Amino acid sequence: MKVCFDTSVVIDIMGKTAWFKDSFAAYDVAMLRKFEPLLSVSSTTDIVYVLHSRGLLSKKQARAALETIFRLFDLMDNEPSDCRFAYESDMGDYEDALIAYAAKRNDVDLIVTRNKGDFAHSPVPAVTPEEFLAVYCPDGVEYELVDF
């Protein structure tokens, strides 16, 4: 199964935001299930920018986070047709539409996003990290935050 992780979910993971636990658990479950975790190339610039601009990481740390992202996710390219379909779509946010149409072209089964409403008109179904966990988390696997 191919699962595309939206920009917001990756920011949660890399920036250890308030939504870290469910976002990280969704990624971990995808790996446990041997799903293919994907990320749109277009998300990488947004992730670095947001991690730094929101003060989650220094500029140097935000850029260095890309190395981890490249290890965790397979990248989906964006083609001109994705841009055109995104522009012409009923989706209100161009960035999300670009992700959705790249996902469609790459035969992605699900998009995991914290902003499910933004994907209401997506050609690929979208679920929240919590919804993903409810369906795909293996029996007996539980997640909780631990302080180090």
Protein backbone atom coordinates (compact mmCIF):
# COMPACT_ATOMS: atom_id res chain seq x y z
CA MET A 1 0.00 0.00 0.00
CA LYS A 2 1.29 3.46 -0.89
CA VAL A 3 0.70 6.15 1.73
CA CYS A 4 1.49 9.81 1.10
CA PHE A 5 2.24 11.89 4.18
CA ASP A 6 1.13 15.50 3.95
CA THR A 7 3.42 18.39 4.80
CA SER A 8 1.65 19.02 8.13
CA VAL A 9 2.27 15.48 9.39
CA VAL A 10 5.97 15.59 8.54
CA ILE A 11 6.27 18.99 10.26
CA ASP A 12 4.65 17.44 13.34
CA ILE A 13 7.24 14.66 13.33
CA MET A 14 10.34 16.70 12.56
CA GLY A 15 9.33 19.66 14.74
CA LYS A 16 7.98 17.54 17.59
CA THR A 17 4.80 19.63 17.67
CA ALA A 18 1.77 19.03 19.89
CA TRP A 19 0.57 16.50 17.28
CA PHE A 20 3.84 14.56 17.23
CA LYS A 21 2.55 11.37 18.90
CA ASP A 22 -0.21 10.52 16.42
CA SER A 23 1.76 11.71 13.40
CA PHE A 24 4.82 9.67 14.37
CA ALA A 25 2.67 6.65 15.26
CA ALA A 26 0.97 6.82 11.83
CA TYR A 27 4.38 6.76 10.14
CA ASP A 28 5.57 3.94 12.42
CA VAL A 29 2.46 1.86 11.69
CA ALA A 30 3.01 2.37 7.96
CA MET A 31 6.49 0.94 8.43
CA LEU A 32 5.23 -1.95 10.60
CA ARG A 33 2.71 -2.81 7.90
CA LYS A 34 5.42 -2.53 5.24
CA PHE A 35 3.51 0.23 3.45
CA GLU A 36 5.43 2.55 1.15
CA PRO A 37 5.69 6.00 2.81
CA LEU A 38 5.76 8.78 0.23
CA LEU A 39 6.24 12.54 0.34
CA SER A 40 5.73 15.03 -2.44
CA VAL A 41 8.89 16.80 -3.61
CA SER A 42 6.90 20.03 -3.35
CA SER A 43 6.51 19.46 0.40
CA THR A 44 10.23 19.53 1.12
CA THR A 45 10.64 23.29 0.69
CA ASP A 46 7.53 24.00 2.76
CA ILE A 47 8.72 21.70 5.55
CA VAL A 48 12.11 23.40 5.84
CA TYR A 49 10.52 26.85 5.71
CA VAL A 50 7.84 26.12 8.34
CA LEU A 51 10.21 24.32 10.73
CA HIS A 52 12.39 27.43 10.79
CA SER A 53 9.77 30.20 10.50
CA ARG A 54 7.71 28.80 13.40
CA GLY A 55 10.82 28.57 15.56
CA LEU A 56 10.67 24.78 15.80
CA LEU A 57 14.24 24.40 14.54
CA SER A 58 17.10 26.71 13.69
CA LYS A 59 17.66 27.38 9.99
CA LYS A 60 20.62 24.98 10.00
CA GLN A 61 18.64 22.28 11.85
CA ALA A 62 15.66 22.67 9.51
CA ARG A 63 17.84 22.17 6.48
CA ALA A 64 19.61 19.22 8.14
CA ALA A 65 16.18 17.65 8.77
CA LEU A 66 16.03 16.99 5.04
CA GLU A 67 18.61 14.23 5.41
CA THR A 68 16.29 12.43 7.82
CA ILE A 69 13.29 13.06 5.59
CA PHE A 70 15.13 11.57 2.62
CA ARG A 71 15.79 8.41 4.66
CA LEU A 72 12.22 8.12 5.96
CA PHE A 73 10.24 8.79 2.77
CA ASP A 74 10.36 7.98 -0.91
CA LEU A 75 9.87 11.21 -2.82
CA MET A 76 7.16 11.66 -5.45
CA ASP A 77 8.04 14.05 -8.22
CA ASN A 78 5.72 16.75 -9.48
CA GLU A 79 5.03 17.02 -13.17
CA PRO A 80 3.47 19.83 -15.19
CA SER A 81 0.23 17.83 -15.45
CA ASP A 82 -0.01 17.78 -11.63
CA CYS A 83 0.26 21.56 -11.61
CA ARG A 84 -2.48 21.94 -14.21
CA PHE A 85 -4.85 19.47 -12.51
CA ALA A 86 -4.20 21.13 -9.13
CA TYR A 87 -4.93 24.54 -10.58
CA GLU A 88 -8.15 23.37 -12.23
CA SER A 89 -9.35 21.32 -9.25
CA ASP A 90 -12.07 22.16 -6.74
CA MET A 91 -9.55 21.91 -3.93
CA GLY A 92 -9.19 25.29 -2.24
CA ASP A 93 -5.49 25.09 -1.45
CA TYR A 94 -3.11 24.80 -4.40
CA GLU A 95 -0.31 23.24 -2.30
CA ASP A 96 -2.63 20.45 -1.10
CA ALA A 97 -4.05 19.97 -4.59
CA LEU A 98 -0.54 19.58 -6.00
CA ILE A 99 0.16 16.85 -3.44
CA ALA A 100 -3.17 15.17 -4.21
CA TYR A 101 -2.64 15.05 -7.97
CA ALA A 102 0.96 13.86 -7.64
CA ALA A 103 -0.40 11.15 -5.33
CA LYS A 104 -3.03 10.18 -7.88
CA ARG A 105 -0.48 9.92 -10.69
CA ASN A 106 1.74 7.78 -8.44
CA ASP A 107 -1.12 5.38 -7.58
CA VAL A 108 -1.12 6.34 -3.91
CA ASP A 109 -3.84 4.64 -1.86
CA LEU A 110 -4.15 7.15 1.01
CA ILE A 111 -3.00 10.59 2.07
CA VAL A 112 -2.36 11.06 5.80
CA THR A 113 -2.98 14.68 6.77
CA ARG A 114 -3.87 16.69 9.82
CA ASN A 115 -5.93 18.97 7.56
CA LYS A 116 -8.43 16.45 6.17
CA GLY A 117 -10.93 19.15 5.19
CA ASP A 118 -8.39 20.61 2.76
CA PHE A 119 -8.47 17.28 0.90
CA ALA A 120 -12.29 17.01 0.68
CA HIS A 121 -12.16 17.13 -3.13
CA SER A 122 -8.93 15.16 -3.48
CA PRO A 123 -8.77 12.40 -6.10
CA VAL A 124 -7.04 10.27 -3.42
CA PRO A 125 -8.81 9.59 -0.10
CA ALA A 126 -7.37 11.43 2.90
CA VAL A 127 -7.40 10.42 6.56
CA THR A 128 -6.07 11.96 9.74
CA PRO A 129 -3.23 10.26 11.61
CA GLU A 130 -5.79 9.18 14.24
CA GLU A 131 -8.05 7.62 11.59
CA PHE A 132 -5.07 5.88 10.00
CA LEU A 133 -4.10 4.42 13.38
CA ALA A 134 -7.66 3.27 14.10
CA VAL A 135 -7.70 1.21 10.91
CA TYR A 136 -4.09 0.04 10.48
CA CYS A 137 -2.47 -0.14 13.92
CA PRO A 138 -1.73 -3.81 14.68
CA ASP A 139 -3.48 -5.35 17.66
CA GLY A 140 -1.49 -4.94 20.85
CA VAL A 141 0.58 -2.00 19.60
CA GLU A 142 0.13 1.15 21.66
CA TYR A 143 1.91 4.49 21.61
CA GLU A 144 2.56 6.96 24.38
CA LEU A 145 4.95 9.85 24.82
CA VAL A 146 8.03 9.33 26.95
CA ASP A 147 10.26 12.08 28.32
CA PHE A 148 14.00 11.63 27.82
